[in-house]
PDB file of all heavy atoms in Angstrom:
ATOM      1  N   ALA A   1       0.531  -0.726   3.144  1.00  0.00           N
ATOM      2  CA  ALA A   1       1.918  -0.630   3.604  1.00  0.00           C
ATOM      3  C   ALA A   1       1.957   0.080   4.947  1.00  0.00           C
ATOM      4  O   ALA A   1       1.017   0.784   5.315  1.00  0.00           O
ATOM      5  CB  ALA A   1       2.764   0.146   2.589  1.00  0.00           C
ATOM      6  N   THR A   2       3.049  -0.120   5.648  1.00  0.00           N
ATOM      7  CA  THR A   2       3.251   0.647   6.868  1.00  0.00           C
ATOM      8  C   THR A   2       3.602   2.078   6.472  1.00  0.00           C
ATOM      9  O   THR A   2       4.013   2.356   5.343  1.00  0.00           O
ATOM     10  CB  THR A   2       4.390   0.064   7.718  1.00  0.00           C
ATOM     11  OG1 THR A   2       5.609   0.191   6.986  1.00  0.00           O
ATOM     12  CG2 THR A   2       4.134  -1.383   8.092  1.00  0.00           C
ATOM     13  N   ILE A   3       3.459   2.984   7.413  1.00  0.00           N
ATOM     14  CA  ILE A   3       3.793   4.385   7.159  1.00  0.00           C
ATOM     15  C   ILE A   3       5.272   4.506   6.803  1.00  0.00           C
ATOM     16  O   ILE A   3       5.645   5.270   5.906  1.00  0.00           O
ATOM     17  CB  ILE A   3       3.412   5.243   8.383  1.00  0.00           C
ATOM     18  CG1 ILE A   3       1.877   5.302   8.480  1.00  0.00           C
ATOM     19  CG2 ILE A   3       4.023   6.629   8.306  1.00  0.00           C
ATOM     20  CD1 ILE A   3       1.336   5.892   9.750  1.00  0.00           C
ATOM     21  N   GLU A   4       6.113   3.728   7.475  1.00  0.00           N
ATOM     22  CA  GLU A   4       7.551   3.770   7.202  1.00  0.00           C
ATOM     23  C   GLU A   4       7.852   3.359   5.763  1.00  0.00           C
ATOM     24  O   GLU A   4       8.659   3.990   5.072  1.00  0.00           O
ATOM     25  CB  GLU A   4       8.317   2.878   8.180  1.00  0.00           C
ATOM     26  CG  GLU A   4       8.268   3.347   9.621  1.00  0.00           C
ATOM     27  CD  GLU A   4       6.975   2.974  10.357  1.00  0.00           C
ATOM     28  OE1 GLU A   4       6.217   2.102   9.868  1.00  0.00           O
ATOM     29  OE2 GLU A   4       6.716   3.582  11.397  1.00  0.00           O
ATOM     30  N   ILE A   5       7.220   2.287   5.313  1.00  0.00           N
ATOM     31  CA  ILE A   5       7.458   1.812   3.949  1.00  0.00           C
ATOM     32  C   ILE A   5       6.914   2.827   2.942  1.00  0.00           C
ATOM     33  O   ILE A   5       7.562   3.111   1.931  1.00  0.00           O
ATOM     34  CB  ILE A   5       6.853   0.412   3.738  1.00  0.00           C
ATOM     35  CG1 ILE A   5       7.681  -0.617   4.517  1.00  0.00           C
ATOM     36  CG2 ILE A   5       6.785   0.051   2.264  1.00  0.00           C
ATOM     37  CD1 ILE A   5       7.150  -2.011   4.469  1.00  0.00           C
ATOM     38  N   ALA A   6       5.744   3.406   3.226  1.00  0.00           N
ATOM     39  CA  ALA A   6       5.190   4.418   2.327  1.00  0.00           C
ATOM     40  C   ALA A   6       6.168   5.575   2.158  1.00  0.00           C
ATOM     41  O   ALA A   6       6.403   6.044   1.041  1.00  0.00           O
ATOM     42  CB  ALA A   6       3.849   4.920   2.863  1.00  0.00           C
ATOM     43  N   GLU A   7       6.760   6.010   3.243  1.00  0.00           N
ATOM     44  CA  GLU A   7       7.699   7.135   3.170  1.00  0.00           C
ATOM     45  C   GLU A   7       8.974   6.734   2.429  1.00  0.00           C
ATOM     46  O   GLU A   7       9.537   7.522   1.678  1.00  0.00           O
ATOM     47  CB  GLU A   7       8.028   7.663   4.564  1.00  0.00           C
ATOM     48  CG  GLU A   7       8.902   8.897   4.564  1.00  0.00           C
ATOM     49  CD  GLU A   7       8.305  10.115   3.852  1.00  0.00           C
ATOM     50  OE1 GLU A   7       7.068  10.242   3.764  1.00  0.00           O
ATOM     51  OE2 GLU A   7       9.100  10.934   3.353  1.00  0.00           O
ATOM     52  N   GLN A   8       9.433   5.498   2.633  1.00  0.00           N
ATOM     53  CA  GLN A   8      10.637   5.043   1.937  1.00  0.00           C
ATOM     54  C   GLN A   8      10.402   4.923   0.434  1.00  0.00           C
ATOM     55  O   GLN A   8      11.262   5.286  -0.364  1.00  0.00           O
ATOM     56  CB  GLN A   8      11.108   3.702   2.497  1.00  0.00           C
ATOM     57  CG  GLN A   8      11.700   3.804   3.873  1.00  0.00           C
ATOM     58  CD  GLN A   8      12.028   2.445   4.464  1.00  0.00           C
ATOM     59  OE1 GLN A   8      11.637   1.408   3.950  1.00  0.00           O
ATOM     60  NE2 GLN A   8      12.754   2.450   5.572  1.00  0.00           N
ATOM     61  N   LEU A   9       9.233   4.414   0.057  1.00  0.00           N
ATOM     62  CA  LEU A   9       8.944   4.199  -1.362  1.00  0.00           C
ATOM     63  C   LEU A   9       8.504   5.464  -2.081  1.00  0.00           C
ATOM     64  O   LEU A   9       8.799   5.652  -3.267  1.00  0.00           O
ATOM     65  CB  LEU A   9       7.853   3.136  -1.520  1.00  0.00           C
ATOM     66  CG  LEU A   9       8.214   1.730  -1.081  1.00  0.00           C
ATOM     67  CD1 LEU A   9       6.998   0.823  -1.195  1.00  0.00           C
ATOM     68  CD2 LEU A   9       9.368   1.187  -1.895  1.00  0.00           C
ATOM     69  N   HIS A  10       7.782   6.336  -1.373  1.00  0.00           N
ATOM     70  CA  HIS A  10       7.198   7.531  -1.990  1.00  0.00           C
ATOM     71  C   HIS A  10       7.381   8.729  -1.054  1.00  0.00           C
ATOM     72  O   HIS A  10       6.404   9.257  -0.515  1.00  0.00           O
ATOM     73  CB  HIS A  10       5.714   7.301  -2.278  1.00  0.00           C
ATOM     74  CG  HIS A  10       5.441   6.073  -3.081  1.00  0.00           C
ATOM     75  ND1 HIS A  10       5.594   6.038  -4.450  1.00  0.00           N
ATOM     76  CD2 HIS A  10       5.053   4.822  -2.717  1.00  0.00           C
ATOM     77  CE1 HIS A  10       5.290   4.836  -4.891  1.00  0.00           C
ATOM     78  NE2 HIS A  10       4.973   4.074  -3.868  1.00  0.00           N
ATOM     79  N   PRO A  11       8.616   9.185  -0.847  1.00  0.00           N
ATOM     80  CA  PRO A  11       8.870  10.256   0.125  1.00  0.00           C
ATOM     81  C   PRO A  11       8.016  11.503  -0.134  1.00  0.00           C
ATOM     82  O   PRO A  11       8.065  12.084  -1.208  1.00  0.00           O
ATOM     83  CB  PRO A  11      10.357  10.575  -0.060  1.00  0.00           C
ATOM     84  CG  PRO A  11      10.931   9.446  -0.831  1.00  0.00           C
ATOM     85  CD  PRO A  11       9.809   8.803  -1.573  1.00  0.00           C
ATOM     86  N   GLY A  12       7.210  11.840   0.859  1.00  0.00           N
ATOM     87  CA  GLY A  12       6.391  13.034   0.784  1.00  0.00           C
ATOM     88  C   GLY A  12       5.259  12.986  -0.228  1.00  0.00           C
ATOM     89  O   GLY A  12       4.589  13.990  -0.438  1.00  0.00           O
ATOM     90  N   ALA A  13       5.042  11.849  -0.863  1.00  0.00           N
ATOM     91  CA  ALA A  13       4.023  11.749  -1.914  1.00  0.00           C
ATOM     92  C   ALA A  13       2.981  10.687  -1.571  1.00  0.00           C
ATOM     93  O   ALA A  13       2.592   9.888  -2.410  1.00  0.00           O
ATOM     94  CB  ALA A  13       4.683  11.455  -3.260  1.00  0.00           C
ATOM     95  N   TRP A  14       2.514  10.668  -0.338  1.00  0.00           N
ATOM     96  CA  TRP A  14       1.516   9.695   0.084  1.00  0.00           C
ATOM     97  C   TRP A  14       0.683  10.286   1.213  1.00  0.00           C
ATOM     98  O   TRP A  14       1.042  11.292   1.802  1.00  0.00           O
ATOM     99  CB  TRP A  14       2.179   8.396   0.552  1.00  0.00           C
ATOM    100  CG  TRP A  14       3.067   8.600   1.756  1.00  0.00           C
ATOM    101  CD1 TRP A  14       4.381   8.949   1.759  1.00  0.00           C
ATOM    102  CD2 TRP A  14       2.684   8.513   3.127  1.00  0.00           C
ATOM    103  NE1 TRP A  14       4.838   9.084   3.045  1.00  0.00           N
ATOM    104  CE2 TRP A  14       3.816   8.814   3.912  1.00  0.00           C
ATOM    105  CE3 TRP A  14       1.491   8.210   3.780  1.00  0.00           C
ATOM    106  CZ2 TRP A  14       3.793   8.814   5.298  1.00  0.00           C
ATOM    107  CZ3 TRP A  14       1.467   8.203   5.168  1.00  0.00           C
ATOM    108  CH2 TRP A  14       2.613   8.507   5.909  1.00  0.00           C
ATOM    109  N   ARG A  15      -0.442   9.637   1.474  1.00  0.00           N
ATOM    110  CA  ARG A  15      -1.287   9.996   2.613  1.00  0.00           C
ATOM    111  C   ARG A  15      -2.094   8.760   3.004  1.00  0.00           C
ATOM    112  O   ARG A  15      -2.257   7.836   2.198  1.00  0.00           O
ATOM    113  CB  ARG A  15      -2.210  11.157   2.268  1.00  0.00           C
ATOM    114  CG  ARG A  15      -3.238  10.814   1.198  1.00  0.00           C
ATOM    115  CD  ARG A  15      -4.151  11.988   0.876  1.00  0.00           C
ATOM    116  NE  ARG A  15      -5.029  11.638  -0.231  1.00  0.00           N
ATOM    117  CZ  ARG A  15      -5.278  12.413  -1.261  1.00  0.00           C
ATOM    118  NH1 ARG A  15      -4.721  13.603  -1.343  1.00  0.00           N
ATOM    119  NH2 ARG A  15      -6.090  12.025  -2.217  1.00  0.00           N
ATOM    120  N   LEU A  16      -2.584   8.764   4.225  1.00  0.00           N
ATOM    121  CA  LEU A  16      -3.466   7.682   4.648  1.00  0.00           C
ATOM    122  C   LEU A  16      -4.777   7.808   3.894  1.00  0.00           C
ATOM    123  O   LEU A  16      -5.318   8.912   3.754  1.00  0.00           O
ATOM    124  CB  LEU A  16      -3.714   7.742   6.154  1.00  0.00           C
ATOM    125  CG  LEU A  16      -2.523   7.391   7.031  1.00  0.00           C
ATOM    126  CD1 LEU A  16      -2.844   7.663   8.495  1.00  0.00           C
ATOM    127  CD2 LEU A  16      -2.122   5.936   6.845  1.00  0.00           C
ATOM    128  N   ALA A  17      -5.289   6.683   3.412  1.00  0.00           N
ATOM    129  CA  ALA A  17      -6.550   6.698   2.681  1.00  0.00           C
ATOM    130  C   ALA A  17      -7.693   6.994   3.650  1.00  0.00           C
ATOM    131  O   ALA A  17      -7.700   6.501   4.775  1.00  0.00           O
ATOM    132  CB  ALA A  17      -6.777   5.360   1.985  1.00  0.00           C
ATOM    133  N   PRO A  18      -8.667   7.785   3.216  1.00  0.00           N
ATOM    134  CA  PRO A  18      -9.754   8.155   4.104  1.00  0.00           C
ATOM    135  C   PRO A  18     -10.779   7.046   4.329  1.00  0.00           C
ATOM    136  O   PRO A  18     -11.521   7.096   5.289  1.00  0.00           O
ATOM    137  CB  PRO A  18     -10.398   9.351   3.397  1.00  0.00           C
ATOM    138  CG  PRO A  18     -10.052   9.188   1.960  1.00  0.00           C
ATOM    139  CD  PRO A  18      -8.718   8.492   1.949  1.00  0.00           C
ATOM    140  N   GLU A  19     -10.831   6.055   3.461  1.00  0.00           N
ATOM    141  CA  GLU A  19     -11.811   4.986   3.611  1.00  0.00           C
ATOM    142  C   GLU A  19     -11.123   3.635   3.471  1.00  0.00           C
ATOM    143  O   GLU A  19      -9.982   3.548   3.027  1.00  0.00           O
ATOM    144  CB  GLU A  19     -12.943   5.111   2.584  1.00  0.00           C
ATOM    145  CG  GLU A  19     -12.538   4.843   1.169  1.00  0.00           C
ATOM    146  CD  GLU A  19     -11.989   6.078   0.446  1.00  0.00           C
ATOM    147  OE1 GLU A  19     -12.076   7.193   0.945  1.00  0.00           O
ATOM    148  OE2 GLU A  19     -11.465   5.881  -0.647  1.00  0.00           O
ATOM    149  N   PRO A  20     -11.804   2.571   3.852  1.00  0.00           N
ATOM    150  CA  PRO A  20     -11.198   1.233   3.744  1.00  0.00           C
ATOM    151  C   PRO A  20     -10.830   0.897   2.296  1.00  0.00           C
ATOM    152  O   PRO A  20     -11.416   1.429   1.355  1.00  0.00           O
ATOM    153  CB  PRO A  20     -12.301   0.288   4.241  1.00  0.00           C
ATOM    154  CG  PRO A  20     -13.249   1.154   4.991  1.00  0.00           C
ATOM    155  CD  PRO A  20     -13.124   2.539   4.419  1.00  0.00           C
ATOM    156  N   ALA A  21      -9.879  -0.004   2.170  1.00  0.00           N
ATOM    157  CA  ALA A  21      -9.431  -0.426   0.838  1.00  0.00           C
ATOM    158  C   ALA A  21     -10.502  -1.243   0.143  1.00  0.00           C
ATOM    159  O   ALA A  21     -11.166  -2.061   0.757  1.00  0.00           O
ATOM    160  CB  ALA A  21      -8.172  -1.277   0.967  1.00  0.00           C
ATOM    161  N   PRO A  22     -10.682  -1.016  -1.149  1.00  0.00           N
ATOM    162  CA  PRO A  22     -11.568  -1.899  -1.891  1.00  0.00           C
ATOM    163  C   PRO A  22     -10.960  -3.303  -1.933  1.00  0.00           C
ATOM    164  O   PRO A  22      -9.769  -3.473  -1.740  1.00  0.00           O
ATOM    165  CB  PRO A  22     -11.630  -1.277  -3.282  1.00  0.00           C
ATOM    166  CG  PRO A  22     -10.599  -0.216  -3.336  1.00  0.00           C
ATOM    167  CD  PRO A  22     -10.097   0.037  -1.945  1.00  0.00           C
ATOM    168  N   GLU A  23     -11.805  -4.281  -2.193  1.00  0.00           N
ATOM    169  CA  GLU A  23     -11.349  -5.679  -2.182  1.00  0.00           C
ATOM    170  C   GLU A  23     -10.175  -5.927  -3.119  1.00  0.00           C
ATOM    171  O   GLU A  23      -9.264  -6.663  -2.807  1.00  0.00           O
ATOM    172  CB  GLU A  23     -12.502  -6.625  -2.539  1.00  0.00           C
ATOM    173  CG  GLU A  23     -13.487  -6.820  -1.414  1.00  0.00           C
ATOM    174  CD  GLU A  23     -12.837  -7.362  -0.153  1.00  0.00           C
ATOM    175  OE1 GLU A  23     -12.066  -8.330  -0.220  1.00  0.00           O
ATOM    176  OE2 GLU A  23     -13.110  -6.808   0.925  1.00  0.00           O
ATOM    177  N   ASP A  24     -10.183  -5.285  -4.301  1.00  0.00           N
ATOM    178  CA  ASP A  24      -9.091  -5.553  -5.243  1.00  0.00           C
ATOM    179  C   ASP A  24      -7.759  -5.034  -4.713  1.00  0.00           C
ATOM    180  O   ASP A  24      -6.718  -5.624  -4.955  1.00  0.00           O
ATOM    181  CB  ASP A  24      -9.382  -4.971  -6.628  1.00  0.00           C
ATOM    182  CG  ASP A  24      -9.572  -3.469  -6.607  1.00  0.00           C
ATOM    183  OD1 ASP A  24      -9.983  -2.932  -5.564  1.00  0.00           O
ATOM    184  OD2 ASP A  24      -9.316  -2.845  -7.642  1.00  0.00           O
ATOM    185  N   VAL A  25      -7.731  -3.937  -3.957  1.00  0.00           N
ATOM    186  CA  VAL A  25      -6.492  -3.436  -3.375  1.00  0.00           C
ATOM    187  C   VAL A  25      -6.072  -4.320  -2.221  1.00  0.00           C
ATOM    188  O   VAL A  25      -4.915  -4.696  -2.081  1.00  0.00           O
ATOM    189  CB  VAL A  25      -6.646  -1.967  -2.921  1.00  0.00           C
ATOM    190  CG1 VAL A  25      -5.408  -1.510  -2.177  1.00  0.00           C
ATOM    191  CG2 VAL A  25      -6.892  -1.082  -4.124  1.00  0.00           C
ATOM    192  N   ALA A  26      -7.028  -4.696  -1.379  1.00  0.00           N
ATOM    193  CA  ALA A  26      -6.708  -5.545  -0.238  1.00  0.00           C
ATOM    194  C   ALA A  26      -6.135  -6.881  -0.703  1.00  0.00           C
ATOM    195  O   ALA A  26      -5.262  -7.437  -0.056  1.00  0.00           O
ATOM    196  CB  ALA A  26      -7.944  -5.767   0.625  1.00  0.00           C
ATOM    197  N   GLY A  27      -6.609  -7.384  -1.845  1.00  0.00           N
ATOM    198  CA  GLY A  27      -6.143  -8.676  -2.322  1.00  0.00           C
ATOM    199  C   GLY A  27      -4.725  -8.665  -2.858  1.00  0.00           C
ATOM    200  O   GLY A  27      -4.117  -9.715  -3.009  1.00  0.00           O
ATOM    201  N   LEU A  28      -4.174  -7.491  -3.148  1.00  0.00           N
ATOM    202  CA  LEU A  28      -2.833  -7.429  -3.718  1.00  0.00           C
ATOM    203  C   LEU A  28      -1.787  -8.064  -2.821  1.00  0.00           C
ATOM    204  O   LEU A  28      -0.828  -8.615  -3.306  1.00  0.00           O
ATOM    205  CB  LEU A  28      -2.443  -5.976  -4.007  1.00  0.00           C
ATOM    206  CG  LEU A  28      -3.146  -5.303  -5.164  1.00  0.00           C
ATOM    207  CD1 LEU A  28      -2.716  -3.853  -5.280  1.00  0.00           C
ATOM    208  CD2 LEU A  28      -2.894  -6.045  -6.454  1.00  0.00           C
ATOM    209  N   THR A  29      -1.956  -7.975  -1.524  1.00  0.00           N
ATOM    210  CA  THR A  29      -0.926  -8.505  -0.640  1.00  0.00           C
ATOM    211  C   THR A  29      -1.046 -10.004  -0.430  1.00  0.00           C
ATOM    212  O   THR A  29      -0.242 -10.578   0.262  1.00  0.00           O
ATOM    213  CB  THR A  29      -0.939  -7.785   0.720  1.00  0.00           C
ATOM    214  OG1 THR A  29      -2.206  -7.951   1.313  1.00  0.00           O
ATOM    215  CG2 THR A  29      -0.597  -6.337   0.560  1.00  0.00           C
ATOM    216  N   HIS A  30      -2.048 -10.629  -1.027  1.00  0.00           N
ATOM    217  CA  HIS A  30      -2.198 -12.069  -0.863  1.00  0.00           C
ATOM    218  C   HIS A  30      -1.475 -12.857  -1.942  1.00  0.00           C
ATOM    219  O   HIS A  30      -1.304 -14.062  -1.827  1.00  0.00           O
ATOM    220  CB  HIS A  30      -3.679 -12.449  -0.833  1.00  0.00           C
ATOM    221  CG  HIS A  30      -4.390 -11.851   0.335  1.00  0.00           C
ATOM    222  ND1 HIS A  30      -4.202 -12.307   1.616  1.00  0.00           N
ATOM    223  CD2 HIS A  30      -5.237 -10.818   0.430  1.00  0.00           C
ATOM    224  CE1 HIS A  30      -4.920 -11.585   2.440  1.00  0.00           C
ATOM    225  NE2 HIS A  30      -5.553 -10.672   1.752  1.00  0.00           N
ATOM    226  N   GLU A  31      -1.030 -12.170  -2.975  1.00  0.00           N
ATOM    227  CA  GLU A  31      -0.324 -12.832  -4.080  1.00  0.00           C
ATOM    228  C   GLU A  31       0.630 -11.823  -4.693  1.00  0.00           C
ATOM    229  O   GLU A  31       0.232 -10.718  -5.042  1.00  0.00           O
ATOM    230  CB  GLU A  31      -1.338 -13.315  -5.117  1.00  0.00           C
ATOM    231  CG  GLU A  31      -0.745 -14.078  -6.259  1.00  0.00           C
ATOM    232  CD  GLU A  31      -1.826 -14.657  -7.169  1.00  0.00           C
ATOM    233  OE1 GLU A  31      -2.966 -14.847  -6.714  1.00  0.00           O
ATOM    234  OE2 GLU A  31      -1.503 -14.899  -8.333  1.00  0.00           O
ATOM    235  N   VAL A  32       1.892 -12.212  -4.786  1.00  0.00           N
ATOM    236  CA  VAL A  32       2.890 -11.334  -5.397  1.00  0.00           C
ATOM    237  C   VAL A  32       3.722 -12.140  -6.388  1.00  0.00           C
ATOM    238  O   VAL A  32       3.888 -13.347  -6.239  1.00  0.00           O
ATOM    239  CB  VAL A  32       3.822 -10.673  -4.337  1.00  0.00           C
ATOM    240  CG1 VAL A  32       3.032  -9.769  -3.402  1.00  0.00           C
ATOM    241  CG2 VAL A  32       4.610 -11.704  -3.557  1.00  0.00           C
ATOM    242  N   PRO A  33       4.255 -11.473  -7.410  1.00  0.00           N
ATOM    243  CA  PRO A  33       5.139 -12.187  -8.339  1.00  0.00           C
ATOM    244  C   PRO A  33       6.383 -12.700  -7.609  1.00  0.00           C
ATOM    245  O   PRO A  33       6.863 -12.063  -6.670  1.00  0.00           O
ATOM    246  CB  PRO A  33       5.532 -11.116  -9.367  1.00  0.00           C
ATOM    247  CG  PRO A  33       4.623  -9.975  -9.151  1.00  0.00           C
ATOM    248  CD  PRO A  33       4.092 -10.070  -7.763  1.00  0.00           C
ATOM    249  N   ARG A  34       6.868 -13.837  -8.050  1.00  0.00           N
ATOM    250  CA  ARG A  34       8.060 -14.429  -7.411  1.00  0.00           C
ATOM    251  C   ARG A  34       9.213 -13.436  -7.369  1.00  0.00           C
ATOM    252  O   ARG A  34       9.881 -13.296  -6.344  1.00  0.00           O
ATOM    253  CB  ARG A  34       8.481 -15.708  -8.149  1.00  0.00           C
ATOM    254  CG  ARG A  34       9.720 -16.362  -7.522  1.00  0.00           C
ATOM    255  CD  ARG A  34      10.216 -17.571  -8.312  1.00  0.00           C
ATOM    256  NE  ARG A  34      10.810 -17.132  -9.552  1.00  0.00           N
ATOM    257  CZ  ARG A  34      10.459 -17.585 -10.756  1.00  0.00           C
ATOM    258  NH1 ARG A  34       9.525 -18.479 -10.883  1.00  0.00           N
ATOM    259  NH2 ARG A  34      11.056 -17.131 -11.835  1.00  0.00           N
ATOM    260  N   TRP A  35       9.472 -12.723  -8.464  1.00  0.00           N
ATOM    261  CA  TRP A  35      10.603 -11.795  -8.485  1.00  0.00           C
ATOM    262  C   TRP A  35      10.456 -10.748  -7.389  1.00  0.00           C
ATOM    263  O   TRP A  35      11.449 -10.376  -6.747  1.00  0.00           O
ATOM    264  CB  TRP A  35      10.768 -11.144  -9.856  1.00  0.00           C
ATOM    265  CG  TRP A  35       9.707 -10.144 -10.212  1.00  0.00           C
ATOM    266  CD1 TRP A  35       8.571 -10.371 -10.950  1.00  0.00           C
ATOM    267  CD2 TRP A  35       9.650  -8.771  -9.829  1.00  0.00           C
ATOM    268  NE1 TRP A  35       7.825  -9.221 -11.044  1.00  0.00           N
ATOM    269  CE2 TRP A  35       8.471  -8.213 -10.366  1.00  0.00           C
ATOM    270  CE3 TRP A  35      10.494  -7.945  -9.091  1.00  0.00           C
ATOM    271  CZ2 TRP A  35       8.097  -6.892 -10.187  1.00  0.00           C
ATOM    272  CZ3 TRP A  35      10.131  -6.618  -8.907  1.00  0.00           C
ATOM    273  CH2 TRP A  35       8.952  -6.106  -9.449  1.00  0.00           C
TER     274      TRP A  35
END
C-alpha cells in the first residue's frame, strides 16, 4: 500500500517493512475478491 493508505487504514499502527515482500504477500494485489 501507499504510505497514505497505510495511515488511513491503520493510523499510527504501521511501519515500512525492512525487507522485500515475500511472494505470497506480493501476489495479493494481483487478485482480489469482487466485493
